[in-house]
Amino acid sequence: MVSRYRIAMFLEDVLALTIFRSIAIRYLIEQSWIASRESKAESKGRPVKIYELARPIHEIMDSIENKKKIEVSKKLAVIQKLREHSI
């Protein structure tokens, strides 16, 4: 028999993953990297959302790479300023 504690922990994990997935999907849609559409479920119930890439994967990877390079260059500039002021 599964304890109530284990069930509660499982439900907490599922909720956390659902929230994270929701935030991640929203970000991907805002970046126009994925598109979604709804499809009627095979049985009664809520429609199913289907997600697909809206851009080729290499464009998405290039965009991520460029953003990370900008972040790194800004951080390196801050480090360089700190070094100049500490001398």
N, C-alpha and C. Protein backbone atom coordinates (compact mmCIF):
# COMPACT_ATOMS: atom_id res chain seq x y z
N MET A 1 0.84 -1.18 0.00
CA MET A 1 0.00 0.00 0.00
C MET A 1 0.89 1.26 0.00
N VAL A 2 0.52 2.22 -0.81
CA VAL A 2 1.28 3.46 -0.92
C VAL A 2 0.80 4.44 0.14
N SER A 3 1.75 5.05 0.84
CA SER A 3 1.38 5.97 1.90
C SER A 3 0.85 7.28 1.32
N ARG A 4 0.10 7.98 2.13
CA ARG A 4 -0.44 9.28 1.72
C ARG A 4 0.70 10.27 1.45
N TYR A 5 1.79 10.13 2.23
CA TYR A 5 2.93 11.01 2.05
C TYR A 5 3.52 10.83 0.65
N ARG A 6 3.70 9.59 0.23
CA ARG A 6 4.26 9.33 -1.10
C ARG A 6 3.33 9.86 -2.19
N ILE A 7 2.06 9.71 -2.03
CA ILE A 7 1.11 10.23 -3.01
C ILE A 7 1.20 11.75 -3.07
N ALA A 8 1.27 12.38 -1.89
CA ALA A 8 1.37 13.84 -1.84
C ALA A 8 2.65 14.31 -2.51
N MET A 9 3.76 13.63 -2.26
CA MET A 9 5.04 14.00 -2.88
C MET A 9 4.97 13.83 -4.40
N PHE A 10 4.35 12.74 -4.84
CA PHE A 10 4.21 12.51 -6.27
C PHE A 10 3.38 13.62 -6.92
N LEU A 11 2.27 13.97 -6.30
CA LEU A 11 1.41 15.02 -6.85
C LEU A 11 2.14 16.37 -6.86
N GLU A 12 2.95 16.62 -5.84
CA GLU A 12 3.73 17.85 -5.80
C GLU A 12 4.73 17.89 -6.97
N ASP A 13 5.38 16.77 -7.23
CA ASP A 13 6.33 16.68 -8.35
C ASP A 13 5.61 16.89 -9.69
N VAL A 14 4.45 16.28 -9.85
CA VAL A 14 3.69 16.43 -11.08
C VAL A 14 3.28 17.88 -11.28
N LEU A 15 2.84 18.54 -10.22
CA LEU A 15 2.46 19.94 -10.30
C LEU A 15 3.64 20.81 -10.68
N ALA A 16 4.80 20.57 -10.08
CA ALA A 16 5.99 21.35 -10.40
C ALA A 16 6.38 21.17 -11.86
N LEU A 17 6.33 19.95 -12.36
CA LEU A 17 6.65 19.70 -13.76
C LEU A 17 5.65 20.36 -14.68
N THR A 18 4.38 20.34 -14.31
CA THR A 18 3.36 20.97 -15.12
C THR A 18 3.57 22.47 -15.21
N ILE A 19 3.89 23.08 -14.09
CA ILE A 19 4.14 24.53 -14.07
C ILE A 19 5.37 24.86 -14.91
N PHE A 20 6.45 24.07 -14.74
CA PHE A 20 7.66 24.30 -15.51
C PHE A 20 7.39 24.13 -17.01
N ARG A 21 6.66 23.08 -17.37
CA ARG A 21 6.34 22.83 -18.78
C ARG A 21 5.53 23.98 -19.35
N SER A 22 4.58 24.49 -18.58
CA SER A 22 3.76 25.59 -19.03
C SER A 22 4.60 26.84 -19.30
N ILE A 23 5.52 27.14 -18.39
CA ILE A 23 6.39 28.31 -18.57
C ILE A 23 7.29 28.12 -19.78
N ALA A 24 7.85 26.91 -19.92
CA ALA A 24 8.74 26.63 -21.05
C ALA A 24 8.00 26.73 -22.38
N ILE A 25 6.82 26.16 -22.46
CA ILE A 25 6.04 26.20 -23.70
C ILE A 25 5.68 27.64 -24.03
N ARG A 26 5.28 28.43 -23.03
CA ARG A 26 4.93 29.82 -23.26
C ARG A 26 6.13 30.59 -23.83
N TYR A 27 7.33 30.35 -23.28
CA TYR A 27 8.54 31.00 -23.76
C TYR A 27 8.82 30.61 -25.21
N LEU A 28 8.71 29.34 -25.52
CA LEU A 28 8.97 28.87 -26.88
C LEU A 28 7.99 29.48 -27.88
N ILE A 29 6.75 29.64 -27.49
CA ILE A 29 5.74 30.26 -28.36
C ILE A 29 6.05 31.74 -28.53
N GLU A 30 6.42 32.43 -27.44
CA GLU A 30 6.77 33.85 -27.53
C GLU A 30 7.95 34.09 -28.46
N GLN A 31 8.88 33.15 -28.49
CA GLN A 31 10.04 33.27 -29.37
C GLN A 31 9.71 32.86 -30.82
N SER A 32 8.49 32.42 -31.05
CA SER A 32 8.03 31.92 -32.36
C SER A 32 8.83 30.70 -32.80
N TRP A 33 9.24 29.88 -31.84
CA TRP A 33 9.99 28.68 -32.16
C TRP A 33 9.08 27.48 -32.32
N ILE A 34 7.93 27.50 -31.66
CA ILE A 34 6.97 26.42 -31.83
C ILE A 34 5.59 26.99 -32.11
N ALA A 35 4.77 26.17 -32.71
CA ALA A 35 3.37 26.52 -32.96
C ALA A 35 2.51 25.42 -32.35
N SER A 36 1.33 25.78 -31.94
CA SER A 36 0.45 24.77 -31.36
C SER A 36 -0.90 24.81 -32.07
N ARG A 37 -1.52 23.68 -32.05
CA ARG A 37 -2.88 23.57 -32.58
C ARG A 37 -3.62 22.55 -31.73
N GLU A 38 -4.92 22.64 -31.78
CA GLU A 38 -5.71 21.71 -30.99
C GLU A 38 -6.32 20.66 -31.90
N SER A 39 -6.40 19.47 -31.39
CA SER A 39 -7.00 18.37 -32.13
C SER A 39 -8.02 17.70 -31.22
N LYS A 40 -9.12 17.32 -31.79
CA LYS A 40 -10.13 16.65 -30.97
C LYS A 40 -9.57 15.34 -30.46
N ALA A 41 -9.84 15.07 -29.21
CA ALA A 41 -9.37 13.83 -28.60
C ALA A 41 -10.13 12.66 -29.21
N GLU A 42 -9.50 11.49 -29.17
CA GLU A 42 -10.14 10.31 -29.73
C GLU A 42 -11.40 9.94 -28.96
N SER A 43 -11.39 10.23 -27.69
CA SER A 43 -12.58 9.98 -26.88
C SER A 43 -13.13 11.31 -26.41
N LYS A 44 -14.17 11.27 -25.65
CA LYS A 44 -14.72 12.50 -25.12
C LYS A 44 -13.71 13.13 -24.17
N GLY A 45 -13.84 14.41 -23.99
CA GLY A 45 -12.93 15.09 -23.08
C GLY A 45 -12.34 16.32 -23.73
N ARG A 46 -11.31 16.81 -23.13
CA ARG A 46 -10.68 18.03 -23.61
C ARG A 46 -9.90 17.77 -24.89
N PRO A 47 -9.82 18.80 -25.74
CA PRO A 47 -9.00 18.65 -26.94
C PRO A 47 -7.52 18.53 -26.56
N VAL A 48 -6.77 17.90 -27.43
CA VAL A 48 -5.35 17.69 -27.19
C VAL A 48 -4.57 18.77 -27.94
N LYS A 49 -3.57 19.37 -27.28
CA LYS A 49 -2.73 20.35 -27.96
C LYS A 49 -1.57 19.62 -28.61
N ILE A 50 -1.30 19.99 -29.86
CA ILE A 50 -0.19 19.41 -30.61
C ILE A 50 0.79 20.52 -30.89
N TYR A 51 2.05 20.30 -30.51
CA TYR A 51 3.09 21.29 -30.70
C TYR A 51 4.04 20.83 -31.79
N GLU A 52 4.49 21.79 -32.61
CA GLU A 52 5.47 21.47 -33.64
C GLU A 52 6.41 22.65 -33.82
N LEU A 53 7.60 22.38 -34.31
CA LEU A 53 8.57 23.45 -34.53
C LEU A 53 8.05 24.40 -35.60
N ALA A 54 8.16 25.69 -35.34
CA ALA A 54 7.74 26.70 -36.31
C ALA A 54 8.93 27.17 -37.14
N ARG A 55 10.13 26.87 -36.67
CA ARG A 55 11.37 27.24 -37.37
C ARG A 55 12.27 26.02 -37.39
N PRO A 56 13.18 25.99 -38.35
CA PRO A 56 14.13 24.87 -38.36
C PRO A 56 14.98 24.86 -37.09
N ILE A 57 15.35 23.68 -36.65
CA ILE A 57 16.08 23.54 -35.39
C ILE A 57 17.40 24.31 -35.42
N HIS A 58 18.06 24.37 -36.58
CA HIS A 58 19.34 25.09 -36.63
C HIS A 58 19.15 26.59 -36.38
N GLU A 59 18.03 27.16 -36.80
CA GLU A 59 17.75 28.58 -36.52
C GLU A 59 17.53 28.79 -35.02
N ILE A 60 16.83 27.87 -34.40
CA ILE A 60 16.58 27.97 -32.96
C ILE A 60 17.91 27.88 -32.20
N MET A 61 18.74 26.93 -32.58
CA MET A 61 20.04 26.75 -31.92
C MET A 61 20.93 27.97 -32.14
N ASP A 62 20.92 28.54 -33.34
CA ASP A 62 21.70 29.75 -33.62
C ASP A 62 21.24 30.91 -32.75
N SER A 63 19.93 31.04 -32.59
CA SER A 63 19.39 32.12 -31.76
C SER A 63 19.81 31.96 -30.31
N ILE A 64 19.73 30.74 -29.79
CA ILE A 64 20.14 30.48 -28.42
C ILE A 64 21.63 30.77 -28.26
N GLU A 65 22.43 30.33 -29.22
CA GLU A 65 23.88 30.56 -29.16
C GLU A 65 24.20 32.05 -29.13
N ASN A 66 23.55 32.82 -29.99
CA ASN A 66 23.79 34.26 -30.03
C ASN A 66 23.42 34.95 -28.72
N LYS A 67 22.28 34.56 -28.14
CA LYS A 67 21.86 35.14 -26.86
C LYS A 67 22.87 34.82 -25.76
N LYS A 68 23.35 33.60 -25.74
CA LYS A 68 24.33 33.20 -24.72
C LYS A 68 25.65 33.94 -24.91
N LYS A 69 26.06 34.14 -26.15
CA LYS A 69 27.30 34.88 -26.41
C LYS A 69 27.19 36.31 -25.90
N ILE A 70 26.04 36.93 -26.11
CA ILE A 70 25.82 38.29 -25.62
C ILE A 70 25.87 38.33 -24.10
N GLU A 71 25.21 37.36 -23.45
CA GLU A 71 25.24 37.29 -21.98
C GLU A 71 26.67 37.15 -21.47
N VAL A 72 27.43 36.27 -22.10
CA VAL A 72 28.81 36.03 -21.66
C VAL A 72 29.66 37.27 -21.86
N SER A 73 29.52 37.93 -22.99
CA SER A 73 30.33 39.12 -23.24
C SER A 73 30.02 40.23 -22.24
N LYS A 74 28.76 40.37 -21.84
CA LYS A 74 28.40 41.36 -20.82
C LYS A 74 29.05 41.03 -19.48
N LYS A 75 29.02 39.76 -19.12
CA LYS A 75 29.61 39.34 -17.85
C LYS A 75 31.12 39.52 -17.88
N LEU A 76 31.74 39.21 -19.00
CA LEU A 76 33.19 39.40 -19.11
C LEU A 76 33.57 40.88 -19.03
N ALA A 77 32.72 41.75 -19.59
CA ALA A 77 32.98 43.19 -19.51
C ALA A 77 32.93 43.67 -18.06
N VAL A 78 31.99 43.14 -17.29
CA VAL A 78 31.89 43.51 -15.87
C VAL A 78 33.13 43.04 -15.13
N ILE A 79 33.57 41.83 -15.40
CA ILE A 79 34.78 41.30 -14.76
C ILE A 79 35.98 42.17 -15.11
N GLN A 80 36.09 42.56 -16.36
CA GLN A 80 37.21 43.40 -16.79
C GLN A 80 37.19 44.76 -16.07
N LYS A 81 36.01 45.36 -15.92
CA LYS A 81 35.89 46.61 -15.18
C LYS A 81 36.32 46.45 -13.73
N LEU A 82 35.92 45.35 -13.13
CA LEU A 82 36.32 45.08 -11.74
C LEU A 82 37.83 44.96 -11.62
N ARG A 83 38.44 44.30 -12.57
CA ARG A 83 39.91 44.16 -12.54
C ARG A 83 40.59 45.51 -12.70
N GLU A 84 40.06 46.34 -13.57
CA GLU A 84 40.66 47.67 -13.80
C GLU A 84 40.55 48.53 -12.54
N HIS A 85 39.45 48.44 -11.84
CA HIS A 85 39.25 49.25 -10.64
C HIS A 85 40.04 48.74 -9.44
N SER A 86 40.38 47.46 -9.45
CA SER A 86 41.08 46.89 -8.31
C SER A 86 42.59 47.11 -8.38
N ILE A 87 43.07 47.57 -9.51
CA ILE A 87 44.52 47.77 -9.68
C ILE A 87 44.95 49.09 -9.10
